[in-house]
Amino acid sequence: MNTLVTTYYEDPDYLEKYIEYNFQEDVFSHLIIVDDASSKFPAKKVLTKFKNENISLYEIKEDIGFNSHAARNLAATQCKTEWATFLDVDHILTSETFDDIIRFVELEENEWLWFGDNQFMIPSKYFLAAGGYDERLNGYRWGTFLIQDRLDKLFSREMLNPCNSTLLTRTLKGMPGITRQSEEQMKKNKAKEAEIRINSSTNPLDWHKHKMLTFEWNKICL
């Protein structure tokens, strides 16, 4: 069983297309959406169009800027299936990729599947074993490389060719709703991740010293 996971912020058009194209119930048994404190266009309004008991919505209470990685942590802790597929709201999967996902659910122990930049499928227990995304980077728009490092230390990564059957394509013009940051701020954020990454312990037991879910959140009734 496989749960599809995405995070959302102020972009109803993307979320509608995402659900229409990606939530194929012969591939995914459940969809978890985490709304990163949208105030203008909350995800709940979008989901009134989709009457499906296999869709769950969670909401982060405070908008601190970019908090997508912490939102993914929340989704992982609520995932009830063996596998979780983390896919951003501005991506769709091709039919070939759906076939690959079904095939890779039969992966051997200690493997996870990488689609492309921060898009991946992994046994839920592996994600949690690696400590999830480091929430010291909440609001920084970085942290991807750090969790990749940790997962690669523990498990074997299978990679799909992003230029072939697993191409992830945008469905709409323009960027989805994300917190915009200046180039200077982005450089500082990248440096912050590099600092934490360099000083990060190689001992998996230390990865859990930094708590997950360091923010307030609710489950939204649909």
N, C-alpha and C. Protein backbone atom coordinates (compact mmCIF):
# COMPACT_ATOMS: atom_id res chain seq x y z
N MET A 1 0.85 -1.20 0.00
CA MET A 1 0.00 0.00 0.00
C MET A 1 0.88 1.25 0.00
N ASN A 2 0.43 2.28 -0.70
CA ASN A 2 1.26 3.44 -0.95
C ASN A 2 0.43 4.71 -0.77
N THR A 3 0.95 5.66 0.02
CA THR A 3 0.28 6.95 0.23
C THR A 3 1.00 8.03 -0.56
N LEU A 4 0.23 8.82 -1.30
CA LEU A 4 0.76 9.97 -2.01
C LEU A 4 0.72 11.17 -1.07
N VAL A 5 1.83 11.92 -1.00
CA VAL A 5 1.96 13.04 -0.07
C VAL A 5 2.31 14.31 -0.84
N THR A 6 1.60 15.40 -0.54
CA THR A 6 2.01 16.69 -1.08
C THR A 6 1.74 17.78 -0.05
N THR A 7 2.44 18.88 -0.22
CA THR A 7 2.21 20.06 0.62
C THR A 7 1.61 21.15 -0.26
N TYR A 8 0.94 22.09 0.37
CA TYR A 8 0.15 23.07 -0.38
C TYR A 8 0.29 24.44 0.26
N TYR A 9 0.31 25.47 -0.65
CA TYR A 9 0.32 26.85 -0.15
C TYR A 9 -0.29 27.77 -1.19
N GLU A 10 -1.52 28.20 -0.96
CA GLU A 10 -2.16 29.29 -1.71
C GLU A 10 -2.23 29.09 -3.22
N ASP A 11 -2.45 27.86 -3.70
CA ASP A 11 -2.53 27.69 -5.14
C ASP A 11 -3.56 26.62 -5.51
N PRO A 12 -4.84 26.97 -5.51
CA PRO A 12 -5.90 25.99 -5.76
C PRO A 12 -5.83 25.34 -7.13
N ASP A 13 -5.41 26.08 -8.16
CA ASP A 13 -5.36 25.49 -9.51
C ASP A 13 -4.39 24.32 -9.56
N TYR A 14 -3.23 24.51 -8.97
CA TYR A 14 -2.25 23.42 -8.94
C TYR A 14 -2.79 22.22 -8.18
N LEU A 15 -3.43 22.45 -7.05
CA LEU A 15 -3.90 21.34 -6.25
C LEU A 15 -4.99 20.55 -6.98
N GLU A 16 -5.88 21.24 -7.64
CA GLU A 16 -6.92 20.55 -8.40
C GLU A 16 -6.31 19.65 -9.46
N LYS A 17 -5.39 20.19 -10.25
CA LYS A 17 -4.76 19.40 -11.30
C LYS A 17 -3.94 18.26 -10.71
N TYR A 18 -3.29 18.52 -9.61
CA TYR A 18 -2.48 17.49 -8.95
C TYR A 18 -3.34 16.29 -8.59
N ILE A 19 -4.48 16.55 -7.97
CA ILE A 19 -5.35 15.45 -7.57
C ILE A 19 -5.91 14.72 -8.78
N GLU A 20 -6.34 15.47 -9.79
CA GLU A 20 -6.92 14.87 -10.99
C GLU A 20 -5.93 13.95 -11.70
N TYR A 21 -4.68 14.40 -11.82
CA TYR A 21 -3.69 13.65 -12.57
C TYR A 21 -2.98 12.57 -11.73
N ASN A 22 -2.67 12.88 -10.50
CA ASN A 22 -1.77 12.01 -9.73
C ASN A 22 -2.45 11.02 -8.80
N PHE A 23 -3.61 11.35 -8.29
CA PHE A 23 -4.21 10.45 -7.31
C PHE A 23 -4.99 9.34 -8.01
N GLN A 24 -4.22 8.40 -8.55
CA GLN A 24 -4.78 7.22 -9.20
C GLN A 24 -4.88 6.11 -8.15
N GLU A 25 -6.10 5.72 -7.85
CA GLU A 25 -6.29 4.85 -6.69
C GLU A 25 -5.92 3.39 -6.95
N ASP A 26 -5.57 3.06 -8.19
CA ASP A 26 -4.97 1.74 -8.42
C ASP A 26 -3.47 1.75 -8.14
N VAL A 27 -2.93 2.95 -7.92
CA VAL A 27 -1.51 3.11 -7.58
C VAL A 27 -1.35 3.54 -6.11
N PHE A 28 -2.17 4.51 -5.70
CA PHE A 28 -2.09 5.05 -4.34
C PHE A 28 -3.41 4.78 -3.60
N SER A 29 -3.29 4.23 -2.42
CA SER A 29 -4.50 3.94 -1.63
C SER A 29 -4.97 5.14 -0.83
N HIS A 30 -4.08 6.14 -0.67
CA HIS A 30 -4.42 7.29 0.16
C HIS A 30 -3.66 8.51 -0.33
N LEU A 31 -4.23 9.68 -0.09
CA LEU A 31 -3.58 10.96 -0.38
C LEU A 31 -3.59 11.82 0.87
N ILE A 32 -2.40 12.29 1.27
CA ILE A 32 -2.29 13.22 2.40
C ILE A 32 -1.83 14.57 1.86
N ILE A 33 -2.59 15.60 2.20
CA ILE A 33 -2.26 16.99 1.83
C ILE A 33 -2.02 17.76 3.12
N VAL A 34 -0.92 18.49 3.17
CA VAL A 34 -0.65 19.36 4.32
C VAL A 34 -0.64 20.80 3.83
N ASP A 35 -1.57 21.58 4.32
CA ASP A 35 -1.68 22.99 3.98
C ASP A 35 -0.77 23.80 4.91
N ASP A 36 0.20 24.47 4.31
CA ASP A 36 1.20 25.21 5.08
C ASP A 36 0.67 26.61 5.42
N ALA A 37 -0.45 26.63 6.15
CA ALA A 37 -1.02 27.88 6.70
C ALA A 37 -1.50 28.85 5.64
N SER A 38 -2.15 28.34 4.59
CA SER A 38 -2.74 29.23 3.58
C SER A 38 -3.87 30.03 4.22
N SER A 39 -3.92 31.32 3.92
CA SER A 39 -4.99 32.17 4.46
C SER A 39 -5.97 32.62 3.38
N LYS A 40 -5.48 32.88 2.17
CA LYS A 40 -6.34 33.36 1.08
C LYS A 40 -7.11 32.22 0.41
N PHE A 41 -6.39 31.14 0.11
CA PHE A 41 -6.99 30.02 -0.62
C PHE A 41 -6.69 28.70 0.11
N PRO A 42 -7.31 28.46 1.23
CA PRO A 42 -7.04 27.22 1.97
C PRO A 42 -7.41 25.98 1.16
N ALA A 43 -6.67 24.93 1.38
CA ALA A 43 -6.88 23.70 0.63
C ALA A 43 -8.26 23.11 0.86
N LYS A 44 -8.83 23.37 2.02
CA LYS A 44 -10.14 22.79 2.33
C LYS A 44 -11.18 23.17 1.30
N LYS A 45 -11.11 24.41 0.79
CA LYS A 45 -12.08 24.86 -0.21
C LYS A 45 -11.93 24.07 -1.51
N VAL A 46 -10.69 23.77 -1.87
CA VAL A 46 -10.45 22.98 -3.08
C VAL A 46 -11.03 21.59 -2.93
N LEU A 47 -10.87 21.03 -1.75
CA LEU A 47 -11.25 19.63 -1.54
C LEU A 47 -12.75 19.42 -1.44
N THR A 48 -13.53 20.50 -1.40
CA THR A 48 -14.99 20.32 -1.44
C THR A 48 -15.41 19.74 -2.78
N LYS A 49 -14.56 19.85 -3.80
CA LYS A 49 -14.86 19.30 -5.13
C LYS A 49 -14.54 17.82 -5.22
N PHE A 50 -13.81 17.31 -4.23
CA PHE A 50 -13.38 15.92 -4.28
C PHE A 50 -13.94 15.18 -3.06
N LYS A 51 -15.03 14.49 -3.24
CA LYS A 51 -15.63 13.74 -2.15
C LYS A 51 -14.99 12.36 -2.11
N ASN A 52 -13.93 12.25 -1.34
CA ASN A 52 -13.18 11.00 -1.32
C ASN A 52 -12.67 10.74 0.09
N GLU A 53 -13.09 9.65 0.68
CA GLU A 53 -12.70 9.33 2.05
C GLU A 53 -11.24 8.93 2.16
N ASN A 54 -10.58 8.74 1.03
CA ASN A 54 -9.17 8.37 1.04
C ASN A 54 -8.24 9.58 0.92
N ILE A 55 -8.80 10.77 1.03
CA ILE A 55 -8.00 12.00 1.06
C ILE A 55 -8.05 12.57 2.47
N SER A 56 -6.88 12.85 3.04
CA SER A 56 -6.79 13.45 4.37
C SER A 56 -6.10 14.80 4.27
N LEU A 57 -6.60 15.76 5.03
CA LEU A 57 -6.04 17.11 5.01
C LEU A 57 -5.59 17.51 6.41
N TYR A 58 -4.38 18.05 6.49
CA TYR A 58 -3.84 18.59 7.73
C TYR A 58 -3.45 20.04 7.47
N GLU A 59 -3.47 20.84 8.51
CA GLU A 59 -3.22 22.27 8.38
C GLU A 59 -2.23 22.73 9.43
N ILE A 60 -1.17 23.40 8.99
CA ILE A 60 -0.23 24.03 9.91
C ILE A 60 -0.81 25.39 10.30
N LYS A 61 -0.78 25.72 11.58
CA LYS A 61 -1.49 26.91 12.06
C LYS A 61 -0.79 28.22 11.73
N GLU A 62 0.53 28.25 11.82
CA GLU A 62 1.25 29.52 11.66
C GLU A 62 2.05 29.54 10.37
N ASP A 63 1.94 30.62 9.63
CA ASP A 63 2.70 30.81 8.39
C ASP A 63 4.04 31.44 8.75
N ILE A 64 5.11 30.64 8.70
CA ILE A 64 6.44 31.14 9.04
C ILE A 64 7.30 31.35 7.79
N GLY A 65 6.66 31.30 6.62
CA GLY A 65 7.43 31.29 5.40
C GLY A 65 7.53 29.86 4.91
N PHE A 66 8.59 29.53 4.25
CA PHE A 66 8.73 28.18 3.70
C PHE A 66 8.80 27.14 4.82
N ASN A 67 7.83 26.24 4.83
CA ASN A 67 7.78 25.22 5.88
C ASN A 67 7.38 23.87 5.29
N SER A 68 7.64 23.71 4.00
CA SER A 68 7.20 22.52 3.29
C SER A 68 7.82 21.24 3.83
N HIS A 69 9.07 21.32 4.23
CA HIS A 69 9.74 20.11 4.71
C HIS A 69 9.16 19.64 6.04
N ALA A 70 8.87 20.58 6.92
CA ALA A 70 8.22 20.21 8.17
C ALA A 70 6.83 19.66 7.90
N ALA A 71 6.16 20.21 6.88
CA ALA A 71 4.85 19.69 6.48
C ALA A 71 4.96 18.25 6.01
N ARG A 72 6.04 17.94 5.31
CA ARG A 72 6.27 16.54 4.90
C ARG A 72 6.49 15.65 6.13
N ASN A 73 7.17 16.17 7.12
CA ASN A 73 7.35 15.40 8.36
C ASN A 73 5.99 15.05 8.97
N LEU A 74 5.11 16.03 9.01
CA LEU A 74 3.78 15.80 9.56
C LEU A 74 3.07 14.70 8.78
N ALA A 75 3.12 14.78 7.46
CA ALA A 75 2.46 13.77 6.64
C ALA A 75 3.04 12.38 6.92
N ALA A 76 4.34 12.30 7.06
CA ALA A 76 4.98 11.00 7.29
C ALA A 76 4.53 10.38 8.61
N THR A 77 4.36 11.21 9.63
CA THR A 77 3.94 10.66 10.92
C THR A 77 2.48 10.19 10.88
N GLN A 78 1.71 10.69 9.92
CA GLN A 78 0.30 10.30 9.81
C GLN A 78 0.07 9.20 8.76
N CYS A 79 1.11 8.82 8.07
CA CYS A 79 1.00 7.83 7.01
C CYS A 79 0.78 6.44 7.61
N LYS A 80 -0.23 5.74 7.13
CA LYS A 80 -0.58 4.42 7.66
C LYS A 80 -0.18 3.28 6.73
N THR A 81 0.36 3.60 5.57
CA THR A 81 0.73 2.57 4.61
C THR A 81 2.22 2.28 4.67
N GLU A 82 2.61 1.18 4.06
CA GLU A 82 4.02 0.79 4.08
C GLU A 82 4.89 1.81 3.34
N TRP A 83 4.38 2.30 2.21
CA TRP A 83 5.13 3.22 1.38
C TRP A 83 4.54 4.63 1.42
N ALA A 84 5.39 5.63 1.21
CA ALA A 84 4.95 7.02 1.06
C ALA A 84 5.66 7.59 -0.17
N THR A 85 4.90 8.27 -1.01
CA THR A 85 5.47 8.92 -2.20
C THR A 85 5.34 10.43 -2.03
N PHE A 86 6.48 11.11 -1.93
CA PHE A 86 6.51 12.56 -1.72
C PHE A 86 6.67 13.24 -3.08
N LEU A 87 5.64 13.97 -3.48
CA LEU A 87 5.64 14.61 -4.79
C LEU A 87 5.07 16.02 -4.66
N ASP A 88 5.84 17.01 -5.09
CA ASP A 88 5.41 18.41 -4.97
C ASP A 88 4.15 18.68 -5.79
N VAL A 89 3.43 19.70 -5.39
CA VAL A 89 2.13 20.00 -5.99
C VAL A 89 2.24 20.51 -7.42
N ASP A 90 3.43 20.92 -7.86
CA ASP A 90 3.59 21.42 -9.23
C ASP A 90 4.11 20.36 -10.18
N HIS A 91 3.97 19.09 -9.82
CA HIS A 91 4.42 18.00 -10.68
C HIS A 91 3.27 17.04 -10.97
N ILE A 92 3.35 16.43 -12.15
CA ILE A 92 2.46 15.31 -12.44
C ILE A 92 3.32 14.12 -12.85
N LEU A 93 2.75 12.95 -12.74
CA LEU A 93 3.45 11.73 -13.10
C LEU A 93 2.94 11.20 -14.43
N THR A 94 3.84 10.71 -15.27
CA THR A 94 3.44 10.10 -16.53
C THR A 94 2.92 8.69 -16.28
N SER A 95 2.25 8.14 -17.26
CA SER A 95 1.75 6.77 -17.12
C SER A 95 2.88 5.79 -16.93
N GLU A 96 4.03 6.05 -17.57
CA GLU A 96 5.18 5.17 -17.39
C GLU A 96 5.68 5.20 -15.95
N THR A 97 5.60 6.39 -15.35
CA THR A 97 6.06 6.51 -13.96
C THR A 97 5.13 5.76 -13.03
N PHE A 98 3.84 5.81 -13.28
CA PHE A 98 2.91 5.02 -12.48
C PHE A 98 3.28 3.54 -12.54
N ASP A 99 3.62 3.06 -13.73
CA ASP A 99 4.02 1.66 -13.87
C ASP A 99 5.29 1.37 -13.06
N ASP A 100 6.23 2.32 -13.10
CA ASP A 100 7.47 2.14 -12.32
C ASP A 100 7.18 2.08 -10.83
N ILE A 101 6.26 2.93 -10.37
CA ILE A 101 5.91 2.94 -8.95
C ILE A 101 5.33 1.61 -8.53
N ILE A 102 4.41 1.09 -9.31
CA ILE A 102 3.81 -0.20 -8.99
C ILE A 102 4.88 -1.29 -8.94
N ARG A 103 5.80 -1.24 -9.89
CA ARG A 103 6.86 -2.25 -9.94
C ARG A 103 7.81 -2.11 -8.75
N PHE A 104 8.14 -0.88 -8.37
CA PHE A 104 9.12 -0.67 -7.32
C PHE A 104 8.56 -0.90 -5.91
N VAL A 105 7.26 -1.00 -5.79
CA VAL A 105 6.70 -1.36 -4.49
C VAL A 105 7.19 -2.74 -4.06
N GLU A 106 7.64 -3.50 -5.05
CA GLU A 106 8.18 -4.83 -4.76
C GLU A 106 9.69 -4.80 -4.55
N LEU A 107 10.24 -3.62 -4.30
CA LEU A 107 11.68 -3.50 -4.06
C LEU A 107 12.14 -4.38 -2.90
N GLU A 108 13.39 -4.75 -2.98
CA GLU A 108 13.96 -5.51 -1.89
C GLU A 108 14.12 -4.62 -0.66
N GLU A 109 14.38 -5.26 0.47
CA GLU A 109 14.56 -4.52 1.72
C GLU A 109 15.71 -3.53 1.59
N ASN A 110 15.58 -2.41 2.28
CA ASN A 110 16.62 -1.37 2.36
C ASN A 110 16.79 -0.56 1.09
N GLU A 111 15.73 -0.43 0.29
CA GLU A 111 15.81 0.39 -0.91
C GLU A 111 14.71 1.46 -0.92
N TRP A 112 15.03 2.59 -1.57
CA TRP A 112 14.05 3.65 -1.78
C TRP A 112 14.23 4.20 -3.18
N LEU A 113 13.22 4.87 -3.69
CA LEU A 113 13.18 5.25 -5.10
C LEU A 113 13.20 6.77 -5.25
N TRP A 114 14.14 7.26 -6.08
CA TRP A 114 14.33 8.69 -6.29
C TRP A 114 13.86 9.06 -7.70
N PHE A 115 12.86 9.98 -7.78
CA PHE A 115 12.36 10.42 -9.09
C PHE A 115 13.15 11.59 -9.65
N GLY A 116 13.55 12.49 -8.78
CA GLY A 116 14.18 13.73 -9.21
C GLY A 116 14.35 14.61 -8.00
N ASP A 117 14.57 15.89 -8.21
CA ASP A 117 14.89 16.81 -7.12
C ASP A 117 13.82 16.80 -6.03
N ASN A 118 14.12 16.12 -4.94
CA ASN A 118 13.27 16.08 -3.74
C ASN A 118 11.92 15.41 -3.99
N GLN A 119 11.84 14.58 -5.02
CA GLN A 119 10.63 13.80 -5.30
C GLN A 119 11.03 12.32 -5.16
N PHE A 120 10.40 11.62 -4.24
CA PHE A 120 10.84 10.25 -4.01
C PHE A 120 9.77 9.39 -3.36
N MET A 121 9.97 8.08 -3.44
CA MET A 121 9.09 7.10 -2.81
C MET A 121 9.94 6.27 -1.85
N ILE A 122 9.41 6.05 -0.66
CA ILE A 122 10.21 5.42 0.38
C ILE A 122 9.31 4.69 1.36
N PRO A 123 9.76 3.57 1.91
CA PRO A 123 8.99 2.99 3.01
C PRO A 123 8.87 4.01 4.15
N SER A 124 7.68 4.17 4.66
CA SER A 124 7.44 5.19 5.69
C SER A 124 8.39 5.04 6.87
N LYS A 125 8.67 3.81 7.25
CA LYS A 125 9.52 3.58 8.41
C LYS A 125 10.96 4.04 8.16
N TYR A 126 11.40 4.02 6.89
CA TYR A 126 12.75 4.49 6.57
C TYR A 126 12.85 5.99 6.75
N PHE A 127 11.83 6.70 6.27
CA PHE A 127 11.81 8.16 6.41
C PHE A 127 11.91 8.54 7.89
N LEU A 128 11.13 7.87 8.72
CA LEU A 128 11.13 8.19 10.14
C LEU A 128 12.43 7.73 10.81
N ALA A 129 13.00 6.63 10.33
CA ALA A 129 14.27 6.15 10.88
C ALA A 129 15.40 7.15 10.65
N ALA A 130 15.31 7.91 9.56
CA ALA A 130 16.32 8.92 9.26
C ALA A 130 16.06 10.23 9.97
N GLY A 131 14.99 10.29 10.74
CA GLY A 131 14.70 11.50 11.50
C GLY A 131 13.93 12.55 10.73
N GLY A 132 13.50 12.21 9.49
CA GLY A 132 12.76 13.17 8.68
C GLY A 132 13.62 14.37 8.30
N TYR A 133 12.97 15.43 7.85
CA TYR A 133 13.68 16.67 7.55
C TYR A 133 14.08 17.36 8.85
N ASP A 134 15.24 17.95 8.88
CA ASP A 134 15.74 18.63 10.07
C ASP A 134 14.98 19.94 10.25
N GLU A 135 14.18 20.04 11.30
CA GLU A 135 13.33 21.21 11.47
C GLU A 135 14.07 22.43 12.04
N ARG A 136 15.36 22.31 12.25
CA ARG A 136 16.14 23.51 12.52
C ARG A 136 16.21 24.39 11.27
N LEU A 137 15.84 23.81 10.12
CA LEU A 137 15.86 24.55 8.86
C LEU A 137 14.47 25.02 8.45
N ASN A 138 13.49 24.91 9.34
CA ASN A 138 12.15 25.42 9.03
C ASN A 138 12.23 26.89 8.63
N GLY A 139 11.59 27.22 7.51
CA GLY A 139 11.60 28.60 7.03
C GLY A 139 12.78 28.94 6.14
N TYR A 140 13.72 28.00 5.95
CA TYR A 140 14.94 28.30 5.21
C TYR A 140 14.91 27.90 3.74
N ARG A 141 13.92 27.07 3.33
CA ARG A 141 13.85 26.56 1.97
C ARG A 141 15.08 25.74 1.61
N TRP A 142 15.69 25.09 2.56
CA TRP A 142 16.77 24.15 2.31
C TRP A 142 16.59 22.98 3.27
N GLY A 143 17.33 21.93 3.03
CA GLY A 143 17.23 20.73 3.86
C GLY A 143 17.16 19.45 3.07
N THR A 144 16.98 19.60 1.75
CA THR A 144 16.87 18.42 0.89
C THR A 144 18.13 17.57 0.91
N PHE A 145 19.29 18.23 0.80
CA PHE A 145 20.53 17.47 0.74
C PHE A 145 20.81 16.74 2.05
N LEU A 146 20.41 17.34 3.15
CA LEU A 146 20.67 16.75 4.45
C LEU A 146 19.92 15.43 4.60
N ILE A 147 18.64 15.41 4.24
CA ILE A 147 17.90 14.15 4.38
C ILE A 147 18.39 13.12 3.37
N GLN A 148 18.81 13.56 2.17
CA GLN A 148 19.38 12.63 1.21
C GLN A 148 20.63 11.97 1.78
N ASP A 149 21.48 12.76 2.41
CA ASP A 149 22.69 12.21 3.03
C ASP A 149 22.34 11.12 4.02
N ARG A 150 21.35 11.40 4.86
CA ARG A 150 20.99 10.47 5.91
C ARG A 150 20.39 9.18 5.33
N LEU A 151 19.51 9.34 4.39
CA LEU A 151 18.89 8.16 3.78
C LEU A 151 19.93 7.30 3.06
N ASP A 152 20.86 7.95 2.38
CA ASP A 152 21.88 7.20 1.65
C ASP A 152 22.85 6.47 2.58
N LYS A 153 23.00 6.97 3.79
CA LYS A 153 23.85 6.28 4.76
C LYS A 153 23.20 4.99 5.25
N LEU A 154 21.88 4.97 5.24
CA LEU A 154 21.15 3.83 5.81
C LEU A 154 20.62 2.86 4.76
N PHE A 155 20.24 3.39 3.59
CA PHE A 155 19.50 2.59 2.64
C PHE A 155 20.05 2.79 1.23
N SER A 156 19.72 1.85 0.35
CA SER A 156 20.17 1.89 -1.04
C SER A 156 19.17 2.67 -1.88
N ARG A 157 19.66 3.63 -2.66
CA ARG A 157 18.78 4.46 -3.48
C ARG A 157 18.72 3.94 -4.91
N GLU A 158 17.51 3.71 -5.40
CA GLU A 158 17.29 3.41 -6.81
C GLU A 158 16.86 4.71 -7.49
N MET A 159 17.46 5.01 -8.65
CA MET A 159 17.16 6.26 -9.32
C MET A 159 16.53 5.99 -10.67
N LEU A 160 15.45 6.70 -10.98
CA LEU A 160 14.83 6.63 -12.28
C LEU A 160 15.36 7.76 -13.15
N ASN A 161 15.43 7.52 -14.45
CA ASN A 161 15.95 8.51 -15.39
C ASN A 161 14.93 9.62 -15.60
N PRO A 162 15.19 10.84 -15.11
CA PRO A 162 14.21 11.93 -15.24
C PRO A 162 14.00 12.38 -16.67
N CYS A 163 14.83 11.93 -17.60
CA CYS A 163 14.69 12.34 -19.00
C CYS A 163 13.95 11.30 -19.83
N ASN A 164 13.50 10.23 -19.16
CA ASN A 164 12.84 9.17 -19.90
C ASN A 164 11.41 8.99 -19.40
N SER A 165 11.09 7.82 -18.94
CA SER A 165 9.70 7.52 -18.60
C SER A 165 9.25 8.20 -17.32
N THR A 166 10.17 8.74 -16.55
CA THR A 166 9.79 9.29 -15.26
C THR A 166 9.81 10.82 -15.26
N LEU A 167 9.72 11.41 -16.44
CA LEU A 167 9.75 12.86 -16.53
C LEU A 167 8.61 13.48 -15.73
N LEU A 168 8.93 14.43 -14.88
CA LEU A 168 7.94 15.17 -14.12
C LEU A 168 7.69 16.49 -14.82
N THR A 169 6.44 16.76 -15.16
CA THR A 169 6.14 17.94 -15.97
C THR A 169 5.20 18.88 -15.24
N ARG A 170 5.32 20.17 -15.54
CA ARG A 170 4.42 21.17 -14.96
C ARG A 170 3.09 21.16 -15.70
N THR A 171 2.03 21.37 -15.00
CA THR A 171 0.70 21.33 -15.58
C THR A 171 0.16 22.72 -15.91
N LEU A 172 0.66 23.74 -15.28
CA LEU A 172 0.16 25.10 -15.47
C LEU A 172 1.32 26.05 -15.67
N LYS A 173 1.04 27.19 -16.28
CA LYS A 173 2.08 28.20 -16.43
C LYS A 173 2.35 28.89 -15.11
N GLY A 174 3.59 29.27 -14.92
CA GLY A 174 3.94 29.99 -13.69
C GLY A 174 4.28 29.05 -12.56
N MET A 175 4.75 29.61 -11.48
CA MET A 175 5.15 28.85 -10.32
C MET A 175 3.97 28.69 -9.37
N PRO A 176 3.95 27.60 -8.60
CA PRO A 176 2.89 27.43 -7.61
C PRO A 176 3.08 28.40 -6.46
N GLY A 177 2.11 28.42 -5.56
CA GLY A 177 2.21 29.33 -4.43
C GLY A 177 3.33 28.94 -3.49
N ILE A 178 4.39 29.71 -3.46
CA ILE A 178 5.50 29.49 -2.55
C ILE A 178 5.93 30.82 -1.97
N THR A 179 6.61 30.76 -0.85
CA THR A 179 7.12 31.98 -0.24
C THR A 179 8.32 32.47 -1.03
N ARG A 180 8.26 33.69 -1.49
CA ARG A 180 9.36 34.26 -2.28
C ARG A 180 10.44 34.81 -1.37
N GLN A 181 11.69 34.58 -1.73
CA GLN A 181 12.81 35.08 -0.94
C GLN A 181 13.83 35.70 -1.87
N SER A 182 14.55 36.70 -1.35
CA SER A 182 15.56 37.37 -2.15
C SER A 182 16.75 36.44 -2.39
N GLU A 183 17.54 36.79 -3.40
CA GLU A 183 18.73 35.99 -3.70
C GLU A 183 19.69 35.99 -2.51
N GLU A 184 19.81 37.13 -1.84
CA GLU A 184 20.68 37.21 -0.66
C GLU A 184 20.20 36.28 0.44
N GLN A 185 18.87 36.27 0.66
CA GLN A 185 18.33 35.39 1.70
C GLN A 185 18.52 33.93 1.33
N MET A 186 18.37 33.61 0.06
CA MET A 186 18.56 32.24 -0.39
C MET A 186 19.99 31.77 -0.14
N LYS A 187 20.96 32.66 -0.36
CA LYS A 187 22.36 32.32 -0.10
C LYS A 187 22.58 32.03 1.38
N LYS A 188 21.97 32.85 2.23
CA LYS A 188 22.09 32.63 3.67
C LYS A 188 21.45 31.30 4.06
N ASN A 189 20.31 31.00 3.46
CA ASN A 189 19.63 29.75 3.76
C ASN A 189 20.47 28.54 3.36
N LYS A 190 21.06 28.63 2.17
CA LYS A 190 21.91 27.55 1.69
C LYS A 190 23.11 27.35 2.60
N ALA A 191 23.68 28.45 3.06
CA ALA A 191 24.83 28.37 3.97
C ALA A 191 24.43 27.73 5.30
N LYS A 192 23.21 28.03 5.75
CA LYS A 192 22.73 27.44 7.00
C LYS A 192 22.62 25.93 6.86
N GLU A 193 22.07 25.47 5.74
CA GLU A 193 21.98 24.03 5.55
C GLU A 193 23.37 23.41 5.49
N ALA A 194 24.28 24.06 4.75
CA ALA A 194 25.64 23.52 4.63
C ALA A 194 26.30 23.38 6.00
N GLU A 195 26.07 24.38 6.86
CA GLU A 195 26.65 24.33 8.20
C GLU A 195 26.11 23.14 9.00
N ILE A 196 24.80 22.97 8.96
CA ILE A 196 24.19 21.86 9.68
C ILE A 196 24.61 20.53 9.06
N ARG A 197 24.67 20.51 7.75
CA ARG A 197 25.04 19.27 7.04
C ARG A 197 26.45 18.83 7.39
N ILE A 198 27.39 19.78 7.42
CA ILE A 198 28.78 19.47 7.73
C ILE A 198 28.93 18.97 9.17
N ASN A 199 28.17 19.60 10.07
CA ASN A 199 28.29 19.27 11.49
C ASN A 199 27.35 18.15 11.93
N SER A 200 26.59 17.62 10.99
CA SER A 200 25.64 16.57 11.33
C SER A 200 26.36 15.28 11.71
N SER A 201 25.90 14.64 12.74
CA SER A 201 26.49 13.39 13.18
C SER A 201 26.23 12.28 12.16
N THR A 202 27.17 11.38 12.02
CA THR A 202 26.98 10.21 11.16
C THR A 202 26.29 9.08 11.90
N ASN A 203 26.05 9.27 13.17
CA ASN A 203 25.38 8.25 13.99
C ASN A 203 23.86 8.45 13.90
N PRO A 204 23.13 7.49 13.31
CA PRO A 204 21.68 7.64 13.18
C PRO A 204 20.96 7.88 14.50
N LEU A 205 21.54 7.42 15.59
CA LEU A 205 20.89 7.63 16.88
C LEU A 205 20.84 9.11 17.25
N ASP A 206 21.75 9.90 16.69
CA ASP A 206 21.78 11.32 16.99
C ASP A 206 20.76 12.11 16.16
N TRP A 207 20.26 11.51 15.10
CA TRP A 207 19.37 12.25 14.20
C TRP A 207 18.02 12.53 14.83
N HIS A 208 17.71 11.84 15.90
CA HIS A 208 16.41 12.03 16.54
C HIS A 208 16.49 12.98 17.73
N LYS A 209 17.66 13.56 17.96
CA LYS A 209 17.79 14.52 19.07
C LYS A 209 17.05 15.82 18.77
N HIS A 210 16.88 16.11 17.48
CA HIS A 210 16.14 17.29 17.08
C HIS A 210 14.71 16.87 16.77
N LYS A 211 13.77 17.41 17.50
CA LYS A 211 12.39 16.94 17.45
C LYS A 211 11.74 17.21 16.09
N MET A 212 10.81 16.33 15.74
CA MET A 212 9.93 16.57 14.62
C MET A 212 8.63 17.18 15.12
N LEU A 213 7.93 17.86 14.21
CA LEU A 213 6.64 18.49 14.52
C LEU A 213 6.79 19.53 15.63
N THR A 214 7.64 20.50 15.36
CA THR A 214 7.92 21.57 16.32
C THR A 214 6.97 22.75 16.11
N PHE A 215 5.77 22.49 15.65
CA PHE A 215 4.81 23.53 15.31
C PHE A 215 3.41 23.01 15.63
N GLU A 216 2.44 23.90 15.65
CA GLU A 216 1.06 23.51 15.92
C GLU A 216 0.34 23.17 14.61
N TRP A 217 -0.50 22.16 14.66
CA TRP A 217 -1.20 21.72 13.48
C TRP A 217 -2.55 21.09 13.85
N ASN A 218 -3.42 20.99 12.86
CA ASN A 218 -4.73 20.38 13.05
C ASN A 218 -5.01 19.41 11.92
N LYS A 219 -5.83 18.40 12.22
CA LYS A 219 -6.42 17.59 11.15
C LYS A 219 -7.76 18.23 10.80
N ILE A 220 -8.00 18.44 9.51
CA ILE A 220 -9.20 19.11 9.05
C ILE A 220 -10.24 18.08 8.62
N CYS A 221 -11.43 18.20 9.12
CA CYS A 221 -12.52 17.29 8.75
C CYS A 221 -13.07 17.73 7.40
N LEU A 222 -13.17 16.79 6.48
CA LEU A 222 -13.66 17.09 5.12
C LEU A 222 -15.11 16.64 4.96
